[in-house]
């Protein structure tokens, strides 16, 4: 993948700040120059859309008081957690569907005759 531009890095920093402000209720203290290098490294492995998904998951689910420094050094852990969360969500939906099917089967079998 081509090297990330400064504009892409600053856009992700702004996205992080906006998401953090929306969820936590106050603006985080962010060094844009430092985060630029972190996002530039991140954009080697991920597209900007995938990076935004990681930011969303990190702020919404992963940490109670998220910090951009931890995120930029550990985004691969957030990616693993996001994949595990998606797999658990699919497994839960599958179990729920199976349970509903079995409950309906049980109702039909034990329903009193009219």
N, C-alpha and C. Protein backbone atom coordinates (compact mmCIF):
# COMPACT_ATOMS: atom_id res chain seq x y z
N UNK A 1 0.84 -1.18 0.00
CA UNK A 1 0.00 0.00 0.00
C UNK A 1 0.89 1.24 0.00
N UNK A 2 0.42 2.28 -0.61
CA UNK A 2 1.17 3.54 -0.67
C UNK A 2 1.25 4.18 0.71
N UNK A 3 2.26 4.99 0.88
CA UNK A 3 2.44 5.68 2.14
C UNK A 3 1.25 6.60 2.40
N UNK A 4 0.81 6.61 3.66
CA UNK A 4 -0.32 7.46 4.03
C UNK A 4 0.07 8.93 3.95
N UNK A 5 -0.90 9.73 3.57
CA UNK A 5 -0.65 11.17 3.49
C UNK A 5 -0.88 11.81 4.85
N UNK A 6 -0.33 12.99 5.02
CA UNK A 6 -0.55 13.73 6.26
C UNK A 6 -2.03 14.03 6.45
N UNK A 7 -2.72 14.31 5.36
CA UNK A 7 -4.15 14.60 5.44
C UNK A 7 -4.92 13.39 5.98
N UNK A 8 -4.60 12.19 5.54
CA UNK A 8 -5.27 10.99 6.04
C UNK A 8 -5.00 10.80 7.53
N UNK A 9 -3.77 11.02 7.93
CA UNK A 9 -3.41 10.86 9.34
C UNK A 9 -4.13 11.87 10.22
N UNK A 10 -4.16 13.12 9.80
CA UNK A 10 -4.84 14.15 10.58
C UNK A 10 -6.35 13.94 10.58
N UNK A 11 -6.89 13.40 9.49
CA UNK A 11 -8.33 13.10 9.45
C UNK A 11 -8.66 12.01 10.46
N UNK A 12 -7.81 11.00 10.60
CA UNK A 12 -8.05 9.96 11.59
C UNK A 12 -7.89 10.49 13.01
N UNK A 13 -6.95 11.39 13.21
CA UNK A 13 -6.81 12.01 14.53
C UNK A 13 -8.07 12.79 14.88
N UNK A 14 -8.58 13.55 13.94
CA UNK A 14 -9.82 14.30 14.15
C UNK A 14 -10.98 13.35 14.41
N UNK A 15 -11.03 12.24 13.67
CA UNK A 15 -12.10 11.25 13.88
C UNK A 15 -12.02 10.68 15.29
N UNK A 16 -10.79 10.36 15.75
CA UNK A 16 -10.60 9.86 17.11
C UNK A 16 -11.09 10.88 18.14
N UNK A 17 -10.70 12.13 17.97
CA UNK A 17 -11.09 13.18 18.91
C UNK A 17 -12.61 13.33 18.94
N UNK A 18 -13.26 13.35 17.77
CA UNK A 18 -14.71 13.49 17.71
C UNK A 18 -15.43 12.31 18.35
N UNK A 19 -14.96 11.10 18.07
CA UNK A 19 -15.58 9.90 18.65
C UNK A 19 -15.39 9.88 20.15
N UNK A 20 -14.21 10.21 20.62
CA UNK A 20 -13.93 10.25 22.05
C UNK A 20 -14.83 11.28 22.73
N UNK A 21 -14.95 12.46 22.13
CA UNK A 21 -15.79 13.51 22.70
C UNK A 21 -17.25 13.06 22.76
N UNK A 22 -17.70 12.38 21.72
CA UNK A 22 -19.09 11.90 21.67
C UNK A 22 -19.37 10.88 22.77
N UNK A 23 -18.44 9.96 23.00
CA UNK A 23 -18.67 8.87 23.96
C UNK A 23 -18.35 9.30 25.39
N UNK A 24 -17.21 9.92 25.60
CA UNK A 24 -16.75 10.25 26.95
C UNK A 24 -17.35 11.57 27.46
N UNK A 25 -17.58 12.52 26.57
CA UNK A 25 -18.18 13.78 26.97
C UNK A 25 -17.19 14.92 27.14
N UNK A 26 -15.93 14.67 26.90
CA UNK A 26 -14.93 15.74 26.95
C UNK A 26 -13.86 15.43 25.91
N UNK A 27 -13.17 16.47 25.49
CA UNK A 27 -12.13 16.29 24.46
C UNK A 27 -10.88 15.70 25.09
N UNK A 28 -10.23 14.77 24.37
CA UNK A 28 -8.98 14.21 24.88
C UNK A 28 -7.81 15.16 24.60
N UNK A 29 -6.76 14.99 25.34
CA UNK A 29 -5.53 15.73 25.09
C UNK A 29 -4.72 14.92 24.08
N UNK A 30 -4.53 15.47 22.88
CA UNK A 30 -3.89 14.74 21.80
C UNK A 30 -2.78 15.58 21.19
N UNK A 31 -1.61 14.96 21.03
CA UNK A 31 -0.51 15.57 20.32
C UNK A 31 -0.63 15.13 18.87
N UNK A 32 -1.07 16.02 18.00
CA UNK A 32 -1.33 15.66 16.60
C UNK A 32 -0.08 15.22 15.85
N UNK A 33 1.05 15.80 16.17
CA UNK A 33 2.28 15.40 15.49
C UNK A 33 2.66 13.97 15.85
N UNK A 34 2.53 13.63 17.12
CA UNK A 34 2.84 12.28 17.57
C UNK A 34 1.84 11.27 17.00
N UNK A 35 0.56 11.62 17.00
CA UNK A 35 -0.45 10.69 16.49
C UNK A 35 -0.34 10.52 14.97
N UNK A 36 0.18 11.54 14.28
CA UNK A 36 0.36 11.43 12.83
C UNK A 36 1.25 10.25 12.50
N UNK A 37 2.34 10.09 13.24
CA UNK A 37 3.26 8.98 12.96
C UNK A 37 2.62 7.65 13.31
N UNK A 38 1.85 7.62 14.38
CA UNK A 38 1.16 6.38 14.75
C UNK A 38 0.14 5.97 13.71
N UNK A 39 -0.66 6.92 13.24
CA UNK A 39 -1.65 6.60 12.22
C UNK A 39 -0.99 6.27 10.88
N UNK A 40 0.15 6.88 10.61
CA UNK A 40 0.86 6.56 9.37
C UNK A 40 1.30 5.09 9.39
N UNK A 41 1.79 4.62 10.53
CA UNK A 41 2.17 3.22 10.67
C UNK A 41 0.94 2.31 10.57
N UNK A 42 -0.15 2.74 11.16
CA UNK A 42 -1.39 1.96 11.14
C UNK A 42 -1.93 1.83 9.72
N UNK A 43 -1.82 2.88 8.94
CA UNK A 43 -2.36 2.87 7.58
C UNK A 43 -1.53 2.02 6.61
N UNK A 44 -0.40 1.51 7.07
CA UNK A 44 0.35 0.55 6.27
C UNK A 44 -0.41 -0.79 6.27
N UNK A 45 -1.02 -1.13 7.40
CA UNK A 45 -1.71 -2.41 7.57
C UNK A 45 -3.21 -2.35 7.30
N UNK A 46 -3.82 -1.18 7.47
CA UNK A 46 -5.27 -1.05 7.37
C UNK A 46 -5.65 0.10 6.43
N UNK A 47 -6.85 0.00 5.88
CA UNK A 47 -7.39 1.11 5.09
C UNK A 47 -7.94 2.15 6.06
N UNK A 48 -8.18 3.37 5.60
CA UNK A 48 -8.78 4.38 6.49
C UNK A 48 -10.14 3.94 7.06
N UNK A 49 -10.94 3.25 6.26
CA UNK A 49 -12.24 2.77 6.76
C UNK A 49 -12.06 1.74 7.87
N UNK A 50 -11.11 0.82 7.70
CA UNK A 50 -10.83 -0.17 8.73
C UNK A 50 -10.28 0.50 9.99
N UNK A 51 -9.46 1.53 9.81
CA UNK A 51 -8.91 2.26 10.96
C UNK A 51 -10.04 2.94 11.74
N UNK A 52 -11.02 3.51 11.03
CA UNK A 52 -12.16 4.12 11.72
C UNK A 52 -12.97 3.08 12.49
N UNK A 53 -13.13 1.88 11.91
CA UNK A 53 -13.83 0.80 12.62
C UNK A 53 -13.08 0.42 13.89
N UNK A 54 -11.76 0.35 13.81
CA UNK A 54 -10.96 0.03 14.99
C UNK A 54 -11.10 1.11 16.06
N UNK A 55 -11.09 2.37 15.64
CA UNK A 55 -11.27 3.47 16.59
C UNK A 55 -12.64 3.36 17.25
N UNK A 56 -13.68 3.11 16.46
CA UNK A 56 -15.03 2.97 17.02
C UNK A 56 -15.08 1.84 18.04
N UNK A 57 -14.54 0.69 17.68
CA UNK A 57 -14.58 -0.45 18.60
C UNK A 57 -13.78 -0.16 19.87
N UNK A 58 -12.61 0.43 19.71
CA UNK A 58 -11.76 0.73 20.87
C UNK A 58 -12.48 1.67 21.83
N UNK A 59 -13.05 2.72 21.33
CA UNK A 59 -13.68 3.70 22.22
C UNK A 59 -15.00 3.17 22.78
N UNK A 60 -15.77 2.45 21.97
CA UNK A 60 -17.07 1.96 22.43
C UNK A 60 -16.97 0.76 23.36
N UNK A 61 -16.04 -0.16 23.11
CA UNK A 61 -16.06 -1.44 23.82
C UNK A 61 -14.79 -1.79 24.58
N UNK A 62 -13.67 -1.30 24.18
CA UNK A 62 -12.41 -1.87 24.64
C UNK A 62 -11.87 -1.25 25.93
N UNK A 63 -12.04 0.03 26.10
CA UNK A 63 -11.41 0.68 27.25
C UNK A 63 -12.38 1.64 27.91
N UNK A 64 -12.27 1.72 29.23
CA UNK A 64 -13.14 2.66 29.95
C UNK A 64 -12.66 4.10 29.78
N UNK A 65 -11.37 4.33 29.88
CA UNK A 65 -10.78 5.66 29.65
C UNK A 65 -9.73 5.51 28.55
N UNK A 66 -10.16 5.51 27.29
CA UNK A 66 -9.23 5.27 26.19
C UNK A 66 -8.19 6.38 26.03
N UNK A 67 -7.01 5.98 25.62
CA UNK A 67 -5.96 6.95 25.29
C UNK A 67 -5.46 6.66 23.89
N UNK A 68 -5.16 7.70 23.16
CA UNK A 68 -4.71 7.54 21.78
C UNK A 68 -3.33 6.88 21.73
N UNK A 69 -2.50 7.14 22.73
CA UNK A 69 -1.17 6.55 22.73
C UNK A 69 -1.26 5.03 22.83
N UNK A 70 -2.09 4.53 23.77
CA UNK A 70 -2.24 3.08 23.91
C UNK A 70 -2.81 2.50 22.63
N UNK A 71 -3.80 3.15 22.06
CA UNK A 71 -4.43 2.65 20.84
C UNK A 71 -3.42 2.53 19.70
N UNK A 72 -2.60 3.55 19.50
CA UNK A 72 -1.66 3.54 18.38
C UNK A 72 -0.56 2.51 18.54
N UNK A 73 -0.25 2.12 19.78
CA UNK A 73 0.76 1.10 19.99
C UNK A 73 0.17 -0.31 20.07
N UNK A 74 -1.16 -0.43 20.21
CA UNK A 74 -1.79 -1.74 20.42
C UNK A 74 -3.02 -1.96 19.54
N UNK A 75 -3.08 -1.33 18.39
CA UNK A 75 -4.28 -1.47 17.56
C UNK A 75 -4.50 -2.90 17.09
N UNK A 76 -3.44 -3.71 17.00
CA UNK A 76 -3.62 -5.10 16.60
C UNK A 76 -4.38 -5.89 17.66
N UNK A 77 -4.21 -5.53 18.94
CA UNK A 77 -4.99 -6.17 20.01
C UNK A 77 -6.46 -5.78 19.89
N UNK A 78 -6.72 -4.55 19.54
CA UNK A 78 -8.09 -4.10 19.34
C UNK A 78 -8.71 -4.84 18.16
N UNK A 79 -7.93 -5.05 17.11
CA UNK A 79 -8.42 -5.80 15.95
C UNK A 79 -8.80 -7.22 16.35
N UNK A 80 -7.95 -7.89 17.14
CA UNK A 80 -8.26 -9.24 17.60
C UNK A 80 -9.53 -9.23 18.45
N UNK A 81 -9.65 -8.27 19.34
CA UNK A 81 -10.84 -8.19 20.20
C UNK A 81 -12.08 -7.93 19.36
N UNK A 82 -11.97 -7.11 18.32
CA UNK A 82 -13.10 -6.82 17.45
C UNK A 82 -13.53 -8.08 16.70
N UNK A 83 -12.58 -8.87 16.23
CA UNK A 83 -12.89 -10.12 15.54
C UNK A 83 -13.54 -11.12 16.50
N UNK A 84 -13.03 -11.21 17.73
CA UNK A 84 -13.63 -12.10 18.73
C UNK A 84 -15.06 -11.67 19.06
N UNK A 85 -15.27 -10.37 19.17
CA UNK A 85 -16.60 -9.82 19.46
C UNK A 85 -17.58 -10.18 18.34
N UNK A 86 -17.14 -10.05 17.10
CA UNK A 86 -18.00 -10.40 15.96
C UNK A 86 -18.31 -11.89 15.94
N UNK A 87 -17.32 -12.72 16.25
CA UNK A 87 -17.55 -14.17 16.27
C UNK A 87 -18.52 -14.56 17.37
N UNK A 88 -18.37 -13.95 18.56
CA UNK A 88 -19.30 -14.22 19.66
C UNK A 88 -20.72 -13.78 19.31
N UNK A 89 -20.82 -12.66 18.62
CA UNK A 89 -22.13 -12.14 18.22
C UNK A 89 -22.82 -13.12 17.27
N UNK A 90 -22.07 -13.66 16.31
CA UNK A 90 -22.63 -14.64 15.36
C UNK A 90 -23.03 -15.91 16.10
N UNK A 91 -22.18 -16.39 17.01
CA UNK A 91 -22.49 -17.62 17.75
C UNK A 91 -23.73 -17.43 18.63
N UNK A 92 -23.86 -16.27 19.24
CA UNK A 92 -25.03 -15.98 20.07
C UNK A 92 -26.29 -15.96 19.23
N UNK A 93 -26.24 -15.35 18.08
CA UNK A 93 -27.41 -15.31 17.19
C UNK A 93 -27.79 -16.72 16.75
N UNK A 94 -26.80 -17.54 16.47
CA UNK A 94 -27.06 -18.93 16.05
C UNK A 94 -27.71 -19.71 17.20
N UNK A 95 -27.19 -19.55 18.43
CA UNK A 95 -27.79 -20.23 19.58
C UNK A 95 -29.22 -19.77 19.83
N UNK A 96 -29.46 -18.47 19.69
CA UNK A 96 -30.80 -17.93 19.89
C UNK A 96 -31.78 -18.51 18.88
N UNK A 97 -31.37 -18.60 17.63
CA UNK A 97 -32.23 -19.16 16.59
C UNK A 97 -32.54 -20.63 16.87
N UNK A 98 -31.53 -21.39 17.28
CA UNK A 98 -31.72 -22.80 17.62
C UNK A 98 -32.65 -22.95 18.83
N UNK A 99 -32.47 -22.10 19.83
CA UNK A 99 -33.34 -22.15 21.01
C UNK A 99 -34.78 -21.84 20.65
N UNK A 100 -34.98 -20.85 19.81
CA UNK A 100 -36.34 -20.52 19.38
C UNK A 100 -36.97 -21.68 18.61
N UNK A 101 -36.19 -22.33 17.76
CA UNK A 101 -36.70 -23.48 17.02
C UNK A 101 -37.09 -24.60 17.96
N UNK A 102 -36.25 -24.90 18.96
CA UNK A 102 -36.55 -25.97 19.91
C UNK A 102 -37.76 -25.63 20.78
N UNK A 103 -37.88 -24.38 21.18
CA UNK A 103 -39.03 -23.97 21.99
C UNK A 103 -40.33 -24.13 21.20
N UNK A 104 -40.30 -23.75 19.94
CA UNK A 104 -41.49 -23.91 19.10
C UNK A 104 -41.82 -25.39 18.90
N UNK A 105 -40.80 -26.19 18.71
CA UNK A 105 -41.00 -27.63 18.58
C UNK A 105 -41.62 -28.21 19.84
N UNK A 106 -41.14 -27.80 20.99
CA UNK A 106 -41.66 -28.27 22.27
C UNK A 106 -43.12 -27.84 22.44
N UNK A 107 -43.43 -26.58 22.11
CA UNK A 107 -44.82 -26.10 22.22
C UNK A 107 -45.75 -26.93 21.33
N UNK A 108 -45.32 -27.20 20.12
CA UNK A 108 -46.16 -27.98 19.19
C UNK A 108 -46.36 -29.41 19.68
N UNK A 109 -45.37 -29.99 20.32
CA UNK A 109 -45.46 -31.36 20.79
C UNK A 109 -46.36 -31.47 22.02
N UNK A 110 -46.30 -30.51 22.92
CA UNK A 110 -47.03 -30.59 24.18
C UNK A 110 -48.26 -29.72 24.25
N UNK A 111 -48.66 -29.19 23.12
CA UNK A 111 -49.86 -28.35 23.10
C UNK A 111 -51.10 -29.25 23.31
N UNK A 112 -51.98 -28.86 24.24
CA UNK A 112 -53.17 -29.70 24.48
C UNK A 112 -54.09 -29.68 23.27
N UNK A 113 -54.77 -30.80 23.01
CA UNK A 113 -55.68 -30.85 21.87
C UNK A 113 -56.88 -29.93 22.08
N UNK A 114 -57.42 -29.37 21.03
CA UNK A 114 -58.56 -28.45 21.13
C UNK A 114 -59.85 -29.20 21.09
